[in-house]
Each structure stands twice: as C-alpha cells, then as structure tokens.
C-alpha cells in the first residue's frame, strides 16, 4: 500500500500544480479551489506513505516524479516547450528515482 499511497499523492500534487497554473496567479477561483483540495489530498496521502517509508526517500520520489509529470503536463496541456537540457535533466530525475527504488535498502518493500 505504501507505493499506492505515494502514487496517489503524486497524482494529486500534479493536478494541484496544474490547477495553480490554470488559476492565473490566483485570479480564477475554480482552479484555485482545485489546487487547495488537491494539495491537501496530496499531503494526506504522503503522510500515509511516511508510516513505512523514510521521509527523505518518499519526498525524493514524490518531488522527482512530480517534476517530470508537471513538465509533461506543461508540454501537452499548456503548450510549454522543453529544450534539450530540460529533457536531459528530466531523464536524470527519472534515473535518480529508479536508482532509489531499485537499489536503495532504505525503502520499505
């Protein structure tokens, strides 16, 4: 269940951040409300993850995958462009998350 909770936290965080972008600097109420609800849900599920996973590892995965997902949402939904250094950086983030998950002994399996 730990990874399921973490995945749900990541999904809520990315939806919330997308809502933040859509709120146009807090000028649109619906996206802003979506952001608040999603961030609250994200932190709730992240807290459930922390029952069995160290905070440093959970946060590294949560923030790393969130960055990658937000970059993809920005590319697809908001029409933002990614140059080669951005793509390389995102690939390194994914590699880091994989190293943590595949090789770290500090993760609860």
PDB file of N, CA and C in Angstrom:
ATOM      1  N   UNK A   1       0.820  -1.212   0.000  1.00  0.00           N
ATOM      2  CA  UNK A   1       0.000   0.000   0.000  1.00  0.00           C
ATOM      3  C   UNK A   1       0.860   1.272   0.000  1.00  0.00           C
ATOM      4  N   UNK A   2       2.086   1.176   0.482  1.00  0.00           N
ATOM      5  CA  UNK A   2       2.953   2.350   0.567  1.00  0.00           C
ATOM      6  C   UNK A   2       3.109   3.020  -0.791  1.00  0.00           C
ATOM      7  N   UNK A   3       3.414   2.229  -1.803  1.00  0.00           N
ATOM      8  CA  UNK A   3       3.620   2.803  -3.128  1.00  0.00           C
ATOM      9  C   UNK A   3       2.324   3.311  -3.737  1.00  0.00           C
ATOM     10  N   UNK A   4       1.217   2.674  -3.431  1.00  0.00           N
ATOM     11  CA  UNK A   4      -0.075   3.156  -3.912  1.00  0.00           C
ATOM     12  C   UNK A   4      -0.379   4.523  -3.303  1.00  0.00           C
ATOM     13  N   UNK A   5      -0.176   4.653  -1.998  1.00  0.00           N
ATOM     14  CA  UNK A   5      -0.375   5.950  -1.341  1.00  0.00           C
ATOM     15  C   UNK A   5       0.532   7.019  -1.956  1.00  0.00           C
ATOM     16  N   UNK A   6       1.775   6.652  -2.206  1.00  0.00           N
ATOM     17  CA  UNK A   6       2.719   7.609  -2.781  1.00  0.00           C
ATOM     18  C   UNK A   6       2.296   7.997  -4.198  1.00  0.00           C
ATOM     19  N   UNK A   7       1.859   7.047  -4.980  1.00  0.00           N
ATOM     20  CA  UNK A   7       1.393   7.338  -6.333  1.00  0.00           C
ATOM     21  C   UNK A   7       0.177   8.264  -6.314  1.00  0.00           C
ATOM     22  N   UNK A   8      -0.753   8.005  -5.424  1.00  0.00           N
ATOM     23  CA  UNK A   8      -1.942   8.867  -5.297  1.00  0.00           C
ATOM     24  C   UNK A   8      -1.514  10.281  -4.878  1.00  0.00           C
ATOM     25  N   UNK A   9      -0.563  10.377  -3.944  1.00  0.00           N
ATOM     26  CA  UNK A   9      -0.060  11.684  -3.520  1.00  0.00           C
ATOM     27  C   UNK A   9       0.555  12.439  -4.695  1.00  0.00           C
ATOM     28  N   UNK A  10       1.310  11.741  -5.526  1.00  0.00           N
ATOM     29  CA  UNK A  10       1.952  12.361  -6.689  1.00  0.00           C
ATOM     30  C   UNK A  10       0.904  12.846  -7.689  1.00  0.00           C
ATOM     31  N   UNK A  11      -0.102  12.021  -7.931  1.00  0.00           N
ATOM     32  CA  UNK A  11      -1.160  12.408  -8.878  1.00  0.00           C
ATOM     33  C   UNK A  11      -1.898  13.645  -8.380  1.00  0.00           C
ATOM     34  N   UNK A  12      -2.267  13.657  -7.090  1.00  0.00           N
ATOM     35  CA  UNK A  12      -2.954  14.839  -6.549  1.00  0.00           C
ATOM     36  C   UNK A  12      -2.063  16.077  -6.618  1.00  0.00           C
ATOM     37  N   UNK A  13      -0.786  15.910  -6.355  1.00  0.00           N
ATOM     38  CA  UNK A  13       0.137  17.049  -6.391  1.00  0.00           C
ATOM     39  C   UNK A  13       0.240  17.608  -7.807  1.00  0.00           C
ATOM     40  N   UNK A  14       0.311  16.749  -8.805  1.00  0.00           N
ATOM     41  CA  UNK A  14       0.430  17.236 -10.177  1.00  0.00           C
ATOM     42  C   UNK A  14      -0.870  17.897 -10.651  1.00  0.00           C
ATOM     43  N   UNK A  15      -2.003  17.353 -10.241  1.00  0.00           N
ATOM     44  CA  UNK A  15      -3.275  18.000 -10.580  1.00  0.00           C
ATOM     45  C   UNK A  15      -3.353  19.365  -9.893  1.00  0.00           C
ATOM     46  N   UNK A  16      -2.946  19.424  -8.621  1.00  0.00           N
ATOM     47  CA  UNK A  16      -2.968  20.684  -7.887  1.00  0.00           C
ATOM     48  C   UNK A  16      -2.057  21.735  -8.504  1.00  0.00           C
ATOM     49  N   UNK A  17      -0.880  21.324  -8.923  1.00  0.00           N
ATOM     50  CA  UNK A  17       0.047  22.270  -9.538  1.00  0.00           C
ATOM     51  C   UNK A  17      -0.477  22.736 -10.897  1.00  0.00           C
ATOM     52  N   UNK A  18      -1.114  21.835 -11.624  1.00  0.00           N
ATOM     53  CA  UNK A  18      -1.742  22.226 -12.890  1.00  0.00           C
ATOM     54  C   UNK A  18      -2.855  23.235 -12.634  1.00  0.00           C
ATOM     55  N   UNK A  19      -3.611  23.028 -11.577  1.00  0.00           N
ATOM     56  CA  UNK A  19      -4.650  23.979 -11.201  1.00  0.00           C
ATOM     57  C   UNK A  19      -4.071  25.326 -10.826  1.00  0.00           C
ATOM     58  N   UNK A  20      -2.916  25.302 -10.191  1.00  0.00           N
ATOM     59  CA  UNK A  20      -2.244  26.554  -9.832  1.00  0.00           C
ATOM     60  C   UNK A  20      -1.885  27.344 -11.083  1.00  0.00           C
ATOM     61  N   UNK A  21      -1.366  26.657 -12.082  1.00  0.00           N
ATOM     62  CA  UNK A  21      -1.056  27.318 -13.352  1.00  0.00           C
ATOM     63  C   UNK A  21      -2.332  27.867 -13.992  1.00  0.00           C
ATOM     64  N   UNK A  22      -3.383  27.069 -13.968  1.00  0.00           N
ATOM     65  CA  UNK A  22      -4.651  27.473 -14.585  1.00  0.00           C
ATOM     66  C   UNK A  22      -5.347  28.597 -13.819  1.00  0.00           C
ATOM     67  N   UNK A  23      -4.990  28.774 -12.550  1.00  0.00           N
ATOM     68  CA  UNK A  23      -5.630  29.837 -11.756  1.00  0.00           C
ATOM     69  C   UNK A  23      -5.174  31.229 -12.170  1.00  0.00           C
ATOM     70  N   UNK A  24      -4.151  31.299 -13.005  1.00  0.00           N
ATOM     71  CA  UNK A  24      -3.612  32.571 -13.495  1.00  0.00           C
ATOM     72  C   UNK A  24      -3.335  33.542 -12.346  1.00  0.00           C
ATOM     73  N   UNK A  25      -2.394  33.139 -11.513  1.00  0.00           N
ATOM     74  CA  UNK A  25      -1.946  33.930 -10.361  1.00  0.00           C
ATOM     75  C   UNK A  25      -3.103  34.269  -9.419  1.00  0.00           C
ATOM     76  N   UNK A  26      -3.880  33.241  -9.081  1.00  0.00           N
ATOM     77  CA  UNK A  26      -4.974  33.336  -8.108  1.00  0.00           C
ATOM     78  C   UNK A  26      -6.140  34.201  -8.580  1.00  0.00           C
ATOM     79  N   UNK A  27      -6.322  34.361  -9.878  1.00  0.00           N
ATOM     80  CA  UNK A  27      -7.421  35.193 -10.371  1.00  0.00           C
ATOM     81  C   UNK A  27      -8.643  34.374 -10.784  1.00  0.00           C
ATOM     82  N   UNK A  28      -8.492  33.073 -10.894  1.00  0.00           N
ATOM     83  CA  UNK A  28      -9.623  32.205 -11.252  1.00  0.00           C
ATOM     84  C   UNK A  28      -9.906  31.275 -10.083  1.00  0.00           C
ATOM     85  N   UNK A  29     -11.117  31.350  -9.569  1.00  0.00           N
ATOM     86  CA  UNK A  29     -11.465  30.657  -8.330  1.00  0.00           C
ATOM     87  C   UNK A  29     -11.505  29.136  -8.465  1.00  0.00           C
ATOM     88  N   UNK A  30     -12.111  28.614  -9.502  1.00  0.00           N
ATOM     89  CA  UNK A  30     -12.244  27.152  -9.618  1.00  0.00           C
ATOM     90  C   UNK A  30     -10.898  26.438  -9.655  1.00  0.00           C
ATOM     91  N   UNK A  31      -9.966  26.864 -10.519  1.00  0.00           N
ATOM     92  CA  UNK A  31      -8.661  26.197 -10.489  1.00  0.00           C
ATOM     93  C   UNK A  31      -7.940  26.368  -9.145  1.00  0.00           C
ATOM     94  N   UNK A  32      -8.143  27.513  -8.518  1.00  0.00           N
ATOM     95  CA  UNK A  32      -7.526  27.747  -7.214  1.00  0.00           C
ATOM     96  C   UNK A  32      -8.103  26.797  -6.165  1.00  0.00           C
ATOM     97  N   UNK A  33      -9.420  26.607  -6.179  1.00  0.00           N
ATOM     98  CA  UNK A  33     -10.056  25.660  -5.254  1.00  0.00           C
ATOM     99  C   UNK A  33      -9.569  24.242  -5.528  1.00  0.00           C
ATOM    100  N   UNK A  34      -9.441  23.883  -6.802  1.00  0.00           N
ATOM    101  CA  UNK A  34      -8.917  22.567  -7.166  1.00  0.00           C
ATOM    102  C   UNK A  34      -7.508  22.383  -6.606  1.00  0.00           C
ATOM    103  N   UNK A  35      -6.701  23.420  -6.713  1.00  0.00           N
ATOM    104  CA  UNK A  35      -5.338  23.371  -6.187  1.00  0.00           C
ATOM    105  C   UNK A  35      -5.334  23.097  -4.687  1.00  0.00           C
ATOM    106  N   UNK A  36      -6.145  23.825  -3.953  1.00  0.00           N
ATOM    107  CA  UNK A  36      -6.181  23.661  -2.497  1.00  0.00           C
ATOM    108  C   UNK A  36      -6.622  22.256  -2.100  1.00  0.00           C
ATOM    109  N   UNK A  37      -7.655  21.757  -2.727  1.00  0.00           N
ATOM    110  CA  UNK A  37      -8.156  20.409  -2.406  1.00  0.00           C
ATOM    111  C   UNK A  37      -7.114  19.351  -2.772  1.00  0.00           C
ATOM    112  N   UNK A  38      -6.523  19.504  -3.939  1.00  0.00           N
ATOM    113  CA  UNK A  38      -5.542  18.504  -4.379  1.00  0.00           C
ATOM    114  C   UNK A  38      -4.275  18.528  -3.533  1.00  0.00           C
ATOM    115  N   UNK A  39      -3.807  19.708  -3.155  1.00  0.00           N
ATOM    116  CA  UNK A  39      -2.630  19.776  -2.286  1.00  0.00           C
ATOM    117  C   UNK A  39      -2.923  19.146  -0.926  1.00  0.00           C
ATOM    118  N   UNK A  40      -4.096  19.408  -0.375  1.00  0.00           N
ATOM    119  CA  UNK A  40      -4.459  18.794   0.906  1.00  0.00           C
ATOM    120  C   UNK A  40      -4.500  17.273   0.774  1.00  0.00           C
ATOM    121  N   UNK A  41      -5.108  16.780  -0.288  1.00  0.00           N
ATOM    122  CA  UNK A  41      -5.168  15.335  -0.501  1.00  0.00           C
ATOM    123  C   UNK A  41      -3.769  14.757  -0.713  1.00  0.00           C
ATOM    124  N   UNK A  42      -2.938  15.476  -1.451  1.00  0.00           N
ATOM    125  CA  UNK A  42      -1.581  15.013  -1.702  1.00  0.00           C
ATOM    126  C   UNK A  42      -0.795  14.866  -0.401  1.00  0.00           C
ATOM    127  N   UNK A  43      -0.873  15.871   0.452  1.00  0.00           N
ATOM    128  CA  UNK A  43      -0.151  15.788   1.721  1.00  0.00           C
ATOM    129  C   UNK A  43      -0.730  14.706   2.632  1.00  0.00           C
ATOM    130  N   UNK A  44      -2.026  14.487   2.573  1.00  0.00           N
ATOM    131  CA  UNK A  44      -2.629  13.408   3.360  1.00  0.00           C
ATOM    132  C   UNK A  44      -2.055  12.059   2.919  1.00  0.00           C
ATOM    133  N   UNK A  45      -2.055  11.803   1.609  1.00  0.00           N
ATOM    134  CA  UNK A  45      -1.547  10.520   1.132  1.00  0.00           C
ATOM    135  C   UNK A  45      -0.035  10.409   1.315  1.00  0.00           C
ATOM    136  N   UNK A  46       0.661  11.522   1.226  1.00  0.00           N
ATOM    137  CA  UNK A  46       2.093  11.495   1.523  1.00  0.00           C
ATOM    138  C   UNK A  46       2.311  11.129   2.990  1.00  0.00           C
ATOM    139  N   UNK A  47       1.471  11.633   3.882  1.00  0.00           N
ATOM    140  CA  UNK A  47       1.603  11.296   5.302  1.00  0.00           C
ATOM    141  C   UNK A  47       1.366   9.801   5.539  1.00  0.00           C
ATOM    142  N   UNK A  48       0.456   9.209   4.777  1.00  0.00           N
ATOM    143  CA  UNK A  48       0.241   7.763   4.897  1.00  0.00           C
ATOM    144  C   UNK A  48       1.471   6.993   4.412  1.00  0.00           C
ATOM    145  N   UNK A  49       2.109   7.506   3.400  1.00  0.00           N
ATOM    146  CA  UNK A  49       3.340   6.890   2.892  1.00  0.00           C
ATOM    147  C   UNK A  49       4.424   6.893   3.961  1.00  0.00           C
ATOM    148  N   UNK A  50       4.465   7.975   4.736  1.00  0.00           N
ATOM    149  CA  UNK A  50       5.536   8.129   5.729  1.00  0.00           C
ATOM    150  C   UNK A  50       5.402   7.169   6.907  1.00  0.00           C
ATOM    151  N   UNK A  51       4.303   6.436   6.982  1.00  0.00           N
ATOM    152  CA  UNK A  51       4.182   5.411   8.023  1.00  0.00           C
ATOM    153  C   UNK A  51       5.245   4.331   7.850  1.00  0.00           C
ATOM    154  N   UNK A  52       5.595   4.030   6.607  1.00  0.00           N
ATOM    155  CA  UNK A  52       6.512   2.911   6.353  1.00  0.00           C
ATOM    156  C   UNK A  52       7.722   3.274   5.512  1.00  0.00           C
ATOM    157  N   UNK A  53       7.777   4.484   4.971  1.00  0.00           N
ATOM    158  CA  UNK A  53       8.901   4.880   4.125  1.00  0.00           C
ATOM    159  C   UNK A  53       9.585   6.097   4.739  1.00  0.00           C
ATOM    160  N   UNK A  54      10.911   6.117   4.779  1.00  0.00           N
ATOM    161  CA  UNK A  54      11.617   7.277   5.318  1.00  0.00           C
ATOM    162  C   UNK A  54      11.258   8.552   4.548  1.00  0.00           C
ATOM    163  N   UNK A  55      11.173   9.656   5.266  1.00  0.00           N
ATOM    164  CA  UNK A  55      10.723  10.914   4.679  1.00  0.00           C
ATOM    165  C   UNK A  55      11.623  11.368   3.533  1.00  0.00           C
ATOM    166  N   UNK A  56      12.919  11.192   3.647  1.00  0.00           N
ATOM    167  CA  UNK A  56      13.833  11.625   2.590  1.00  0.00           C
ATOM    168  C   UNK A  56      13.616  10.869   1.298  1.00  0.00           C
ATOM    169  N   UNK A  57      13.399   9.582   1.407  1.00  0.00           N
ATOM    170  CA  UNK A  57      13.163   8.750   0.224  1.00  0.00           C
ATOM    171  C   UNK A  57      11.793   9.067  -0.367  1.00  0.00           C
ATOM    172  N   UNK A  58      10.770   9.130   0.482  1.00  0.00           N
ATOM    173  CA  UNK A  58       9.415   9.423  -0.006  1.00  0.00           C
ATOM    174  C   UNK A  58       9.377  10.777  -0.694  1.00  0.00           C
ATOM    175  N   UNK A  59      10.004  11.767  -0.098  1.00  0.00           N
ATOM    176  CA  UNK A  59       9.979  13.106  -0.669  1.00  0.00           C
ATOM    177  C   UNK A  59      10.757  13.160  -1.980  1.00  0.00           C
ATOM    178  N   UNK A  60      11.873  12.437  -2.049  1.00  0.00           N
ATOM    179  CA  UNK A  60      12.656  12.408  -3.290  1.00  0.00           C
ATOM    180  C   UNK A  60      11.830  11.825  -4.436  1.00  0.00           C
ATOM    181  N   UNK A  61      11.127  10.753  -4.172  1.00  0.00           N
ATOM    182  CA  UNK A  61      10.284  10.138  -5.203  1.00  0.00           C
ATOM    183  C   UNK A  61       9.107  11.045  -5.539  1.00  0.00           C
ATOM    184  N   UNK A  62       8.440  11.568  -4.510  1.00  0.00           N
ATOM    185  CA  UNK A  62       7.267  12.427  -4.680  1.00  0.00           C
ATOM    186  C   UNK A  62       7.617  13.664  -5.508  1.00  0.00           C
ATOM    187  N   UNK A  63       8.673  14.341  -5.112  1.00  0.00           N
ATOM    188  CA  UNK A  63       9.022  15.570  -5.821  1.00  0.00           C
ATOM    189  C   UNK A  63       9.617  15.272  -7.200  1.00  0.00           C
ATOM    190  N   UNK A  64      10.440  14.242  -7.302  1.00  0.00           N
ATOM    191  CA  UNK A  64      11.064  13.907  -8.582  1.00  0.00           C
ATOM    192  C   UNK A  64      10.048  13.526  -9.645  1.00  0.00           C
ATOM    193  N   UNK A  65       9.162  12.610  -9.302  1.00  0.00           N
ATOM    194  CA  UNK A  65       8.146  12.210 -10.277  1.00  0.00           C
ATOM    195  C   UNK A  65       7.151  13.329 -10.529  1.00  0.00           C
ATOM    196  N   UNK A  66       6.880  14.128  -9.505  1.00  0.00           N
ATOM    197  CA  UNK A  66       6.003  15.285  -9.688  1.00  0.00           C
ATOM    198  C   UNK A  66       6.584  16.270 -10.688  1.00  0.00           C
ATOM    199  N   UNK A  67       7.883  16.505 -10.621  1.00  0.00           N
ATOM    200  CA  UNK A  67       8.555  17.411 -11.563  1.00  0.00           C
ATOM    201  C   UNK A  67       8.407  16.894 -12.990  1.00  0.00           C
ATOM    202  N   UNK A  68       8.659  15.615 -13.171  1.00  0.00           N
ATOM    203  CA  UNK A  68       8.565  15.023 -14.508  1.00  0.00           C
ATOM    204  C   UNK A  68       7.131  15.103 -15.036  1.00  0.00           C
ATOM    205  N   UNK A  69       6.163  14.747 -14.204  1.00  0.00           N
ATOM    206  CA  UNK A  69       4.766  14.787 -14.644  1.00  0.00           C
ATOM    207  C   UNK A  69       4.309  16.212 -14.954  1.00  0.00           C
ATOM    208  N   UNK A  70       4.709  17.158 -14.126  1.00  0.00           N
ATOM    209  CA  UNK A  70       4.334  18.560 -14.379  1.00  0.00           C
ATOM    210  C   UNK A  70       4.969  19.060 -15.673  1.00  0.00           C
ATOM    211  N   UNK A  71       6.195  18.665 -15.943  1.00  0.00           N
ATOM    212  CA  UNK A  71       6.830  19.065 -17.198  1.00  0.00           C
ATOM    213  C   UNK A  71       6.050  18.503 -18.390  1.00  0.00           C
ATOM    214  N   UNK A  72       5.602  17.256 -18.281  1.00  0.00           N
ATOM    215  CA  UNK A  72       4.815  16.656 -19.364  1.00  0.00           C
ATOM    216  C   UNK A  72       3.454  17.331 -19.511  1.00  0.00           C
ATOM    217  N   UNK A  73       2.808  17.626 -18.396  1.00  0.00           N
ATOM    218  CA  UNK A  73       1.522  18.339 -18.443  1.00  0.00           C
ATOM    219  C   UNK A  73       1.718  19.729 -19.047  1.00  0.00           C
ATOM    220  N   UNK A  74       2.777  20.411 -18.659  1.00  0.00           N
ATOM    221  CA  UNK A  74       3.072  21.724 -19.231  1.00  0.00           C
ATOM    222  C   UNK A  74       3.276  21.635 -20.740  1.00  0.00           C
ATOM    223  N   UNK A  75       3.950  20.599 -21.174  1.00  0.00           N
ATOM    224  CA  UNK A  75       4.198  20.391 -22.592  1.00  0.00           C
ATOM    225  C   UNK A  75       2.901  20.118 -23.349  1.00  0.00           C
ATOM    226  N   UNK A  76       2.103  19.205 -22.830  1.00  0.00           N
ATOM    227  CA  UNK A  76       0.888  18.761 -23.523  1.00  0.00           C
ATOM    228  C   UNK A  76      -0.267  19.735 -23.345  1.00  0.00           C
ATOM    229  N   UNK A  77      -0.548  20.127 -22.116  1.00  0.00           N
ATOM    230  CA  UNK A  77      -1.751  20.905 -21.809  1.00  0.00           C
ATOM    231  C   UNK A  77      -1.554  22.413 -22.006  1.00  0.00           C
ATOM    232  N   UNK A  78      -0.405  22.905 -21.535  1.00  0.00           N
ATOM    233  CA  UNK A  78      -0.190  24.349 -21.550  1.00  0.00           C
ATOM    234  C   UNK A  78       0.692  24.808 -22.717  1.00  0.00           C
ATOM    235  N   UNK A  79       1.123  23.878 -23.556  1.00  0.00           N
ATOM    236  CA  UNK A  79       1.909  24.233 -24.731  1.00  0.00           C
ATOM    237  C   UNK A  79       3.300  24.759 -24.429  1.00  0.00           C
ATOM    238  N   UNK A  80       3.842  24.421 -23.284  1.00  0.00           N
ATOM    239  CA  UNK A  80       5.184  24.863 -22.917  1.00  0.00           C
ATOM    240  C   UNK A  80       6.211  23.972 -23.621  1.00  0.00           C
ATOM    241  N   UNK A  81       7.333  24.530 -23.960  1.00  0.00           N
ATOM    242  CA  UNK A  81       8.367  23.811 -24.701  1.00  0.00           C
ATOM    243  C   UNK A  81       9.478  23.337 -23.757  1.00  0.00           C
ATOM    244  N   UNK A  82      10.054  22.199 -24.111  1.00  0.00           N
ATOM    245  CA  UNK A  82      11.193  21.657 -23.370  1.00  0.00           C
ATOM    246  C   UNK A  82      12.378  21.592 -24.322  1.00  0.00           C
ATOM    247  N   UNK A  83      13.491  22.234 -23.942  1.00  0.00           N
ATOM    248  CA  UNK A  83      14.683  22.142 -24.771  1.00  0.00           C
ATOM    249  C   UNK A  83      15.512  20.924 -24.340  1.00  0.00           C
ATOM    250  N   UNK A  84      16.610  20.691 -25.024  1.00  0.00           N
ATOM    251  CA  UNK A  84      17.420  19.504 -24.767  1.00  0.00           C
ATOM    252  C   UNK A  84      17.958  19.464 -23.328  1.00  0.00           C
ATOM    253  N   UNK A  85      18.470  20.561 -22.764  1.00  0.00           N
ATOM    254  CA  UNK A  85      18.912  20.488 -21.373  1.00  0.00           C
ATOM    255  C   UNK A  85      17.774  20.111 -20.410  1.00  0.00           C
ATOM    256  N   UNK A  86      16.570  20.593 -20.678  1.00  0.00           N
ATOM    257  CA  UNK A  86      15.425  20.227 -19.833  1.00  0.00           C
ATOM    258  C   UNK A  86      15.131  18.742 -19.948  1.00  0.00           C
ATOM    259  N   UNK A  87      15.169  18.207 -21.154  1.00  0.00           N
ATOM    260  CA  UNK A  87      14.919  16.774 -21.361  1.00  0.00           C
ATOM    261  C   UNK A  87      15.986  15.922 -20.680  1.00  0.00           C
ATOM    262  N   UNK A  88      17.232  16.351 -20.780  1.00  0.00           N
ATOM    263  CA  UNK A  88      18.327  15.620 -20.115  1.00  0.00           C
ATOM    264  C   UNK A  88      18.129  15.664 -18.599  1.00  0.00           C
ATOM    265  N   UNK A  89      17.785  16.822 -18.081  1.00  0.00           N
ATOM    266  CA  UNK A  89      17.543  16.947 -16.646  1.00  0.00           C
ATOM    267  C   UNK A  89      16.402  16.068 -16.178  1.00  0.00           C
ATOM    268  N   UNK A  90      15.319  16.029 -16.938  1.00  0.00           N
ATOM    269  CA  UNK A  90      14.189  15.165 -16.582  1.00  0.00           C
ATOM    270  C   UNK A  90      14.587  13.694 -16.631  1.00  0.00           C
ATOM    271  N   UNK A  91      15.402  13.322 -17.618  1.00  0.00           N
ATOM    272  CA  UNK A  91      15.888  11.939 -17.698  1.00  0.00           C
ATOM    273  C   UNK A  91      16.743  11.595 -16.479  1.00  0.00           C
ATOM    274  N   UNK A  92      17.542  12.543 -16.022  1.00  0.00           N
ATOM    275  CA  UNK A  92      18.361  12.315 -14.826  1.00  0.00           C
ATOM    276  C   UNK A  92      17.495  12.167 -13.576  1.00  0.00           C
ATOM    277  N   UNK A  93      16.419  12.932 -13.498  1.00  0.00           N
ATOM    278  CA  UNK A  93      15.495  12.790 -12.366  1.00  0.00           C
ATOM    279  C   UNK A  93      14.871  11.399 -12.368  1.00  0.00           C
ATOM    280  N   UNK A  94      14.420  10.952 -13.538  1.00  0.00           N
ATOM    281  CA  UNK A  94      13.850   9.607 -13.645  1.00  0.00           C
ATOM    282  C   UNK A  94      14.891   8.560 -13.262  1.00  0.00           C
ATOM    283  N   UNK A  95      16.115   8.740 -13.729  1.00  0.00           N
ATOM    284  CA  UNK A  95      17.188   7.805 -13.374  1.00  0.00           C
ATOM    285  C   UNK A  95      17.409   7.786 -11.865  1.00  0.00           C
ATOM    286  N   UNK A  96      17.368   8.931 -11.235  1.00  0.00           N
ATOM    287  CA  UNK A  96      17.540   9.007  -9.785  1.00  0.00           C
ATOM    288  C   UNK A  96      16.438   8.274  -9.047  1.00  0.00           C
ATOM    289  N   UNK A  97      15.201   8.451  -9.474  1.00  0.00           N
ATOM    290  CA  UNK A  97      14.081   7.746  -8.847  1.00  0.00           C
ATOM    291  C   UNK A  97      14.243   6.240  -9.035  1.00  0.00           C
ATOM    292  N   UNK A  98      14.673   5.812 -10.223  1.00  0.00           N
ATOM    293  CA  UNK A  98      14.890   4.384 -10.463  1.00  0.00           C
ATOM    294  C   UNK A  98      16.004   3.830  -9.571  1.00  0.00           C
ATOM    295  N   UNK A  99      17.089   4.570  -9.435  1.00  0.00           N
ATOM    296  CA  UNK A  99      18.188   4.120  -8.569  1.00  0.00           C
ATOM    297  C   UNK A  99      17.698   3.954  -7.136  1.00  0.00           C
ATOM    298  N   UNK A 100      16.944   4.926  -6.641  1.00  0.00           N
ATOM    299  CA  UNK A 100      16.407   4.833  -5.285  1.00  0.00           C
ATOM    300  C   UNK A 100      15.547   3.589  -5.135  1.00  0.00           C
ATOM    301  N   UNK A 101      14.645   3.382  -6.095  1.00  0.00           N
ATOM    302  CA  UNK A 101      13.702   2.269  -5.982  1.00  0.00           C
ATOM    303  C   UNK A 101      14.334   0.906  -6.210  1.00  0.00           C
ATOM    304  N   UNK A 102      15.298   0.823  -7.098  1.00  0.00           N
ATOM    305  CA  UNK A 102      15.882  -0.471  -7.431  1.00  0.00           C
ATOM    306  C   UNK A 102      17.041  -0.883  -6.527  1.00  0.00           C
ATOM    307  N   UNK A 103      17.767   0.090  -5.997  1.00  0.00           N
ATOM    308  CA  UNK A 103      19.000  -0.244  -5.294  1.00  0.00           C
ATOM    309  C   UNK A 103      19.051   0.173  -3.824  1.00  0.00           C
ATOM    310  N   UNK A 104      18.223   1.099  -3.407  1.00  0.00           N
ATOM    311  CA  UNK A 104      18.276   1.560  -2.035  1.00  0.00           C
ATOM    312  C   UNK A 104      17.679   0.517  -1.080  1.00  0.00           C
ATOM    313  N   UNK A 105      18.349   0.306   0.014  1.00  0.00           N
ATOM    314  CA  UNK A 105      17.839  -0.624   1.033  1.00  0.00           C
ATOM    315  C   UNK A 105      17.046   0.111   2.113  1.00  0.00           C
ATOM    316  N   UNK A 106      16.897   1.426   1.970  1.00  0.00           N
ATOM    317  CA  UNK A 106      16.155   2.186   2.979  1.00  0.00           C
ATOM    318  C   UNK A 106      14.664   2.247   2.686  1.00  0.00           C
ATOM    319  N   UNK A 107      14.235   1.731   1.536  1.00  0.00           N
ATOM    320  CA  UNK A 107      12.830   1.751   1.170  1.00  0.00           C
ATOM    321  C   UNK A 107      12.131   0.522   1.719  1.00  0.00           C
ATOM    322  N   UNK A 108      10.934   0.722   2.244  1.00  0.00           N
ATOM    323  CA  UNK A 108      10.116  -0.394   2.695  1.00  0.00           C
ATOM    324  C   UNK A 108       9.517  -1.076   1.481  1.00  0.00           C
ATOM    325  N   UNK A 109       9.767  -2.365   1.339  1.00  0.00           N
ATOM    326  CA  UNK A 109       9.223  -3.102   0.192  1.00  0.00           C
ATOM    327  C   UNK A 109       8.080  -3.977   0.617  1.00  0.00           C
TER     328      UNK A 109
END
